[in-house]
């Protein structure tokens, strides 16, 4: 079953966060490592412009768990934590239904 993690965070340094994410994704692709995220959506809260939600999708919960144990993922998490204004909250979800509409 497909798996998604919602990462709820606040930062005043979103461009640095985006740069770290892009660099991480490029390194994972260049390594040809399997099991990494298959999609990522970054949302900004209109009521609180420093609050963001990242929805990261994986092929399975097992793939997500293996990804979180990878050294580069731990390095990314530490670098991102330094840019946050509050602790990050994580919500783990099974993808029950996903449709492209329109």
C-alpha atoms as a PDB file:
ATOM      1  CA  UNK A   1       0.000   0.000   0.000  1.00  0.00           C
ATOM      2  CA  UNK A   2       1.246   3.476  -0.846  1.00  0.00           C
ATOM      3  CA  UNK A   3       2.294   5.595   2.106  1.00  0.00           C
ATOM      4  CA  UNK A   4       2.462   9.336   2.747  1.00  0.00           C
ATOM      5  CA  UNK A   5       3.964  11.337   5.543  1.00  0.00           C
ATOM      6  CA  UNK A   6       2.750  14.831   6.374  1.00  0.00           C
ATOM      7  CA  UNK A   7       5.488  16.982   7.861  1.00  0.00           C
ATOM      8  CA  UNK A   8       4.179  20.070   9.669  1.00  0.00           C
ATOM      9  CA  UNK A   9       6.825  22.724  10.313  1.00  0.00           C
ATOM     10  CA  UNK A  10       7.410  26.427  10.752  1.00  0.00           C
ATOM     11  CA  UNK A  11      10.302  28.435   9.382  1.00  0.00           C
ATOM     12  CA  UNK A  12      11.212  31.968   8.404  1.00  0.00           C
ATOM     13  CA  UNK A  13      13.835  30.546   6.024  1.00  0.00           C
ATOM     14  CA  UNK A  14      11.766  28.631   3.467  1.00  0.00           C
ATOM     15  CA  UNK A  15      14.114  29.243   0.530  1.00  0.00           C
ATOM     16  CA  UNK A  16      16.947  27.595   2.475  1.00  0.00           C
ATOM     17  CA  UNK A  17      14.619  24.689   3.309  1.00  0.00           C
ATOM     18  CA  UNK A  18      13.690  24.316  -0.369  1.00  0.00           C
ATOM     19  CA  UNK A  19      17.353  24.410  -1.382  1.00  0.00           C
ATOM     20  CA  UNK A  20      18.213  21.646   1.108  1.00  0.00           C
ATOM     21  CA  UNK A  21      15.304  19.524  -0.166  1.00  0.00           C
ATOM     22  CA  UNK A  22      16.316  19.963  -3.807  1.00  0.00           C
ATOM     23  CA  UNK A  23      19.922  19.074  -3.037  1.00  0.00           C
ATOM     24  CA  UNK A  24      18.856  15.974  -1.108  1.00  0.00           C
ATOM     25  CA  UNK A  25      16.553  14.830  -3.916  1.00  0.00           C
ATOM     26  CA  UNK A  26      19.295  15.340  -6.515  1.00  0.00           C
ATOM     27  CA  UNK A  27      21.785  13.301  -4.438  1.00  0.00           C
ATOM     28  CA  UNK A  28      19.290  10.444  -3.981  1.00  0.00           C
ATOM     29  CA  UNK A  29      18.566  10.392  -7.746  1.00  0.00           C
ATOM     30  CA  UNK A  30      22.276  10.527  -8.631  1.00  0.00           C
ATOM     31  CA  UNK A  31      22.979   7.590  -6.319  1.00  0.00           C
ATOM     32  CA  UNK A  32      20.181   5.604  -7.933  1.00  0.00           C
ATOM     33  CA  UNK A  33      18.980   4.691  -4.454  1.00  0.00           C
ATOM     34  CA  UNK A  34      15.605   2.967  -4.485  1.00  0.00           C
ATOM     35  CA  UNK A  35      12.931   3.387  -1.840  1.00  0.00           C
ATOM     36  CA  UNK A  36      13.139   7.162  -1.655  1.00  0.00           C
ATOM     37  CA  UNK A  37      10.174   9.476  -1.966  1.00  0.00           C
ATOM     38  CA  UNK A  38       8.209   9.232  -5.209  1.00  0.00           C
ATOM     39  CA  UNK A  39       6.498  12.615  -4.828  1.00  0.00           C
ATOM     40  CA  UNK A  40       6.620  15.688  -2.613  1.00  0.00           C
ATOM     41  CA  UNK A  41       4.138  18.537  -2.282  1.00  0.00           C
ATOM     42  CA  UNK A  42       4.939  21.641  -0.236  1.00  0.00           C
ATOM     43  CA  UNK A  43       1.981  23.641   1.068  1.00  0.00           C
ATOM     44  CA  UNK A  44       1.978  27.013   2.861  1.00  0.00           C
ATOM     45  CA  UNK A  45      -0.684  27.865   5.439  1.00  0.00           C
ATOM     46  CA  UNK A  46      -2.490  31.033   4.304  1.00  0.00           C
ATOM     47  CA  UNK A  47      -3.450  31.928   7.896  1.00  0.00           C
ATOM     48  CA  UNK A  48       0.135  31.488   9.163  1.00  0.00           C
ATOM     49  CA  UNK A  49       2.628  32.221   6.358  1.00  0.00           C
ATOM     50  CA  UNK A  50       5.566  30.712   8.288  1.00  0.00           C
ATOM     51  CA  UNK A  51       3.773  27.340   8.630  1.00  0.00           C
ATOM     52  CA  UNK A  52       4.267  24.697   5.964  1.00  0.00           C
ATOM     53  CA  UNK A  53       3.070  21.172   5.326  1.00  0.00           C
ATOM     54  CA  UNK A  54       5.151  18.825   3.233  1.00  0.00           C
ATOM     55  CA  UNK A  55       3.315  15.766   1.914  1.00  0.00           C
ATOM     56  CA  UNK A  56       5.903  13.149   0.981  1.00  0.00           C
ATOM     57  CA  UNK A  57       4.743  10.000  -0.809  1.00  0.00           C
ATOM     58  CA  UNK A  58       6.440   6.592  -0.879  1.00  0.00           C
ATOM     59  CA  UNK A  59       5.688   3.266  -2.546  1.00  0.00           C
ATOM     60  CA  UNK A  60       5.135   1.694   0.896  1.00  0.00           C
ATOM     61  CA  UNK A  61       5.555   2.200   4.628  1.00  0.00           C
ATOM     62  CA  UNK A  62       8.571  -0.110   4.490  1.00  0.00           C
ATOM     63  CA  UNK A  63      10.210   2.062   1.815  1.00  0.00           C
ATOM     64  CA  UNK A  64       9.578   5.160   3.938  1.00  0.00           C
ATOM     65  CA  UNK A  65      11.086   3.482   7.000  1.00  0.00           C
ATOM     66  CA  UNK A  66      14.180   2.424   5.052  1.00  0.00           C
ATOM     67  CA  UNK A  67      14.490   5.947   3.669  1.00  0.00           C
ATOM     68  CA  UNK A  68      14.314   7.457   7.154  1.00  0.00           C
ATOM     69  CA  UNK A  69      17.155   5.190   8.268  1.00  0.00           C
ATOM     70  CA  UNK A  70      19.462   6.278   5.420  1.00  0.00           C
ATOM     71  CA  UNK A  71      22.439   8.414   6.455  1.00  0.00           C
ATOM     72  CA  UNK A  72      21.615  11.200   3.988  1.00  0.00           C
ATOM     73  CA  UNK A  73      18.071  11.438   5.349  1.00  0.00           C
ATOM     74  CA  UNK A  74      19.388  11.851   8.895  1.00  0.00           C
ATOM     75  CA  UNK A  75      21.802  14.545   7.702  1.00  0.00           C
ATOM     76  CA  UNK A  76      18.935  16.341   5.953  1.00  0.00           C
ATOM     77  CA  UNK A  77      16.741  16.172   9.068  1.00  0.00           C
ATOM     78  CA  UNK A  78      19.493  17.711  11.204  1.00  0.00           C
ATOM     79  CA  UNK A  79      20.128  20.510   8.701  1.00  0.00           C
ATOM     80  CA  UNK A  80      16.399  21.242   8.409  1.00  0.00           C
ATOM     81  CA  UNK A  81      15.908  21.270  12.189  1.00  0.00           C
ATOM     82  CA  UNK A  82      18.352  24.176  12.416  1.00  0.00           C
ATOM     83  CA  UNK A  83      16.042  26.220  10.149  1.00  0.00           C
ATOM     84  CA  UNK A  84      12.815  25.577  12.086  1.00  0.00           C
ATOM     85  CA  UNK A  85      11.167  27.934  14.559  1.00  0.00           C
ATOM     86  CA  UNK A  86       9.386  25.111  16.409  1.00  0.00           C
ATOM     87  CA  UNK A  87       9.660  21.318  16.589  1.00  0.00           C
ATOM     88  CA  UNK A  88       8.460  19.491  13.490  1.00  0.00           C
ATOM     89  CA  UNK A  89       5.340  17.296  13.723  1.00  0.00           C
ATOM     90  CA  UNK A  90       4.932  14.133  11.635  1.00  0.00           C
ATOM     91  CA  UNK A  91       1.739  12.321  10.621  1.00  0.00           C
ATOM     92  CA  UNK A  92       2.009   8.898   8.952  1.00  0.00           C
ATOM     93  CA  UNK A  93      -0.779   7.954   6.526  1.00  0.00           C
ATOM     94  CA  UNK A  94      -1.755   5.031   4.329  1.00  0.00           C
ATOM     95  CA  UNK A  95      -2.883   6.288   0.917  1.00  0.00           C
ATOM     96  CA  UNK A  96      -6.401   4.900   0.567  1.00  0.00           C
ATOM     97  CA  UNK A  97      -7.331   6.712  -2.631  1.00  0.00           C
ATOM     98  CA  UNK A  98      -5.522   9.143  -4.926  1.00  0.00           C
ATOM     99  CA  UNK A  99      -7.011  10.577  -8.104  1.00  0.00           C
ATOM    100  CA  UNK A 100      -5.889  13.206 -10.572  1.00  0.00           C
ATOM    101  CA  UNK A 101      -9.010  15.160 -11.440  1.00  0.00           C
ATOM    102  CA  UNK A 102      -9.609  17.634 -14.204  1.00  0.00           C
END
